[in-house]
Amino acid sequence: MYIGKVIGTVVATVKIPHLHGRKLLMVDQLDLEGGLTGNYDIAVDVAQAGVGDTVLVIDEGNGARQILGLKPGAVRAVIVGIVDEVDLADAGRVGLEPYSVSL
């Protein structure tokens, strides 16, 4: 699971049956500072996200298939939420306070 930024849409007029009617979005994984990493997935959207949204992505095939209710199926990543805020705390380093990242 990771937090990413929706950077585009994917249009496929011919798809396997279990993807019919599902929106596909390209998501770039974010680093801890909220910057793009260049690592991306094409994800099935079940959270009604759009380009520019910060999203929560499940990127493990079995979990993704469970969310979509598929027994077999060719799905690896699913957008499961839209992120409003991230609060980070560095418990391992003395003297640092938790901080927020505006995404």
Protein backbone atom coordinates (compact mmCIF):
# COMPACT_ATOMS: atom_id res chain seq x y z
CA MET A 1 0.00 0.00 0.00
CA TYR A 2 1.27 3.48 -0.78
CA ILE A 3 0.25 7.12 -1.13
CA GLY A 4 0.38 8.51 -4.65
CA LYS A 5 -0.67 11.34 -6.91
CA VAL A 6 -2.98 10.75 -9.87
CA ILE A 7 -1.03 11.99 -12.89
CA GLY A 8 -3.27 10.87 -15.74
CA THR A 9 -6.02 8.72 -17.11
CA VAL A 10 -5.77 5.59 -19.22
CA VAL A 11 -8.31 4.97 -21.97
CA ALA A 12 -8.67 1.42 -23.26
CA THR A 13 -11.53 0.74 -25.64
CA VAL A 14 -10.83 -3.00 -25.64
CA LYS A 15 -10.36 -4.59 -22.21
CA ILE A 16 -10.82 -7.86 -20.43
CA PRO A 17 -14.43 -8.29 -19.19
CA HIS A 18 -13.84 -7.57 -15.49
CA LEU A 19 -12.45 -4.11 -16.37
CA HIS A 20 -15.49 -3.03 -18.42
CA GLY A 21 -17.03 0.09 -16.88
CA ARG A 22 -14.05 0.70 -14.57
CA LYS A 23 -11.95 3.88 -14.65
CA LEU A 24 -8.19 3.41 -14.97
CA LEU A 25 -5.84 6.06 -13.60
CA MET A 26 -2.06 6.45 -13.68
CA VAL A 27 -0.69 7.01 -10.16
CA ASP A 28 2.85 8.13 -9.27
CA GLN A 29 4.06 6.98 -5.85
CA LEU A 30 5.01 9.82 -3.45
CA ASP A 31 8.06 10.04 -1.19
CA LEU A 32 7.89 11.11 2.48
CA GLU A 33 8.07 14.80 1.53
CA GLY A 34 5.17 14.45 -0.91
CA GLY A 35 7.35 14.52 -4.04
CA LEU A 36 6.82 12.31 -7.09
CA THR A 37 9.18 9.32 -7.30
CA GLY A 38 8.68 8.25 -10.91
CA ASN A 39 7.42 4.83 -9.73
CA TYR A 40 3.93 4.48 -11.12
CA ASP A 41 1.02 2.06 -11.44
CA ILE A 42 -2.07 1.97 -13.58
CA ALA A 43 -4.79 1.50 -10.98
CA VAL A 44 -8.50 0.72 -11.05
CA ASP A 45 -10.35 3.58 -9.35
CA VAL A 46 -13.07 2.71 -6.82
CA ALA A 47 -12.82 6.02 -4.89
CA GLN A 48 -13.90 8.41 -7.68
CA ALA A 49 -10.48 10.09 -7.81
CA GLY A 50 -9.29 12.43 -10.52
CA VAL A 51 -6.10 13.88 -11.94
CA GLY A 52 -4.24 15.82 -9.24
CA ASP A 53 -5.78 13.94 -6.31
CA THR A 54 -3.59 12.38 -3.65
CA VAL A 55 -4.75 8.80 -3.21
CA LEU A 56 -4.25 5.63 -1.20
CA VAL A 57 -3.34 2.68 -3.44
CA ILE A 58 -3.36 -1.03 -2.70
CA ASP A 59 -0.70 -2.41 -5.02
CA GLU A 60 -0.76 -6.09 -4.14
CA GLY A 61 -2.69 -8.22 -6.61
CA ASN A 62 -4.58 -10.49 -4.22
CA GLY A 63 -5.79 -7.60 -2.06
CA ALA A 64 -6.77 -5.63 -5.16
CA ARG A 65 -8.78 -8.54 -6.51
CA GLN A 66 -10.54 -8.97 -3.15
CA ILE A 67 -11.63 -5.31 -3.19
CA LEU A 68 -13.09 -5.74 -6.67
CA GLY A 69 -14.70 -9.08 -5.77
CA LEU A 70 -12.74 -11.05 -8.37
CA LYS A 71 -11.65 -14.64 -7.86
CA PRO A 72 -9.29 -14.79 -10.84
CA GLY A 73 -8.41 -11.57 -12.59
CA ALA A 74 -5.65 -9.42 -13.97
CA VAL A 75 -5.64 -6.55 -11.47
CA ARG A 76 -2.63 -5.42 -9.47
CA ALA A 77 -3.46 -1.95 -8.11
CA VAL A 78 -6.66 -0.30 -6.86
CA ILE A 79 -7.25 3.26 -5.64
CA VAL A 80 -9.15 2.77 -2.38
CA GLY A 81 -9.20 6.29 -0.92
CA ILE A 82 -8.55 9.99 -1.42
CA VAL A 83 -6.02 11.40 1.08
CA ASP A 84 -6.73 14.72 2.82
CA GLU A 85 -3.68 14.95 5.07
CA VAL A 86 -0.63 12.98 6.18
CA ASP A 87 0.89 13.34 9.67
CA LEU A 88 4.38 11.90 10.10
CA ALA A 89 6.26 11.27 13.33
CA ASP A 90 9.89 10.24 13.63
CA ALA A 91 9.87 8.27 16.87
CA GLY A 92 13.38 6.96 16.31
CA ARG A 93 15.14 10.33 16.54
CA VAL A 94 15.17 12.19 19.84
CA GLY A 95 13.98 15.80 19.83
CA LEU A 96 11.98 15.69 16.62
CA GLU A 97 8.33 16.63 16.69
CA PRO A 98 5.65 15.07 14.49
CA TYR A 99 5.03 17.06 11.33
CA SER A 100 2.41 17.30 8.61
CA VAL A 101 2.80 17.12 4.87
CA SER A 102 0.37 19.08 2.75
CA LEU A 103 -0.36 17.06 -0.35
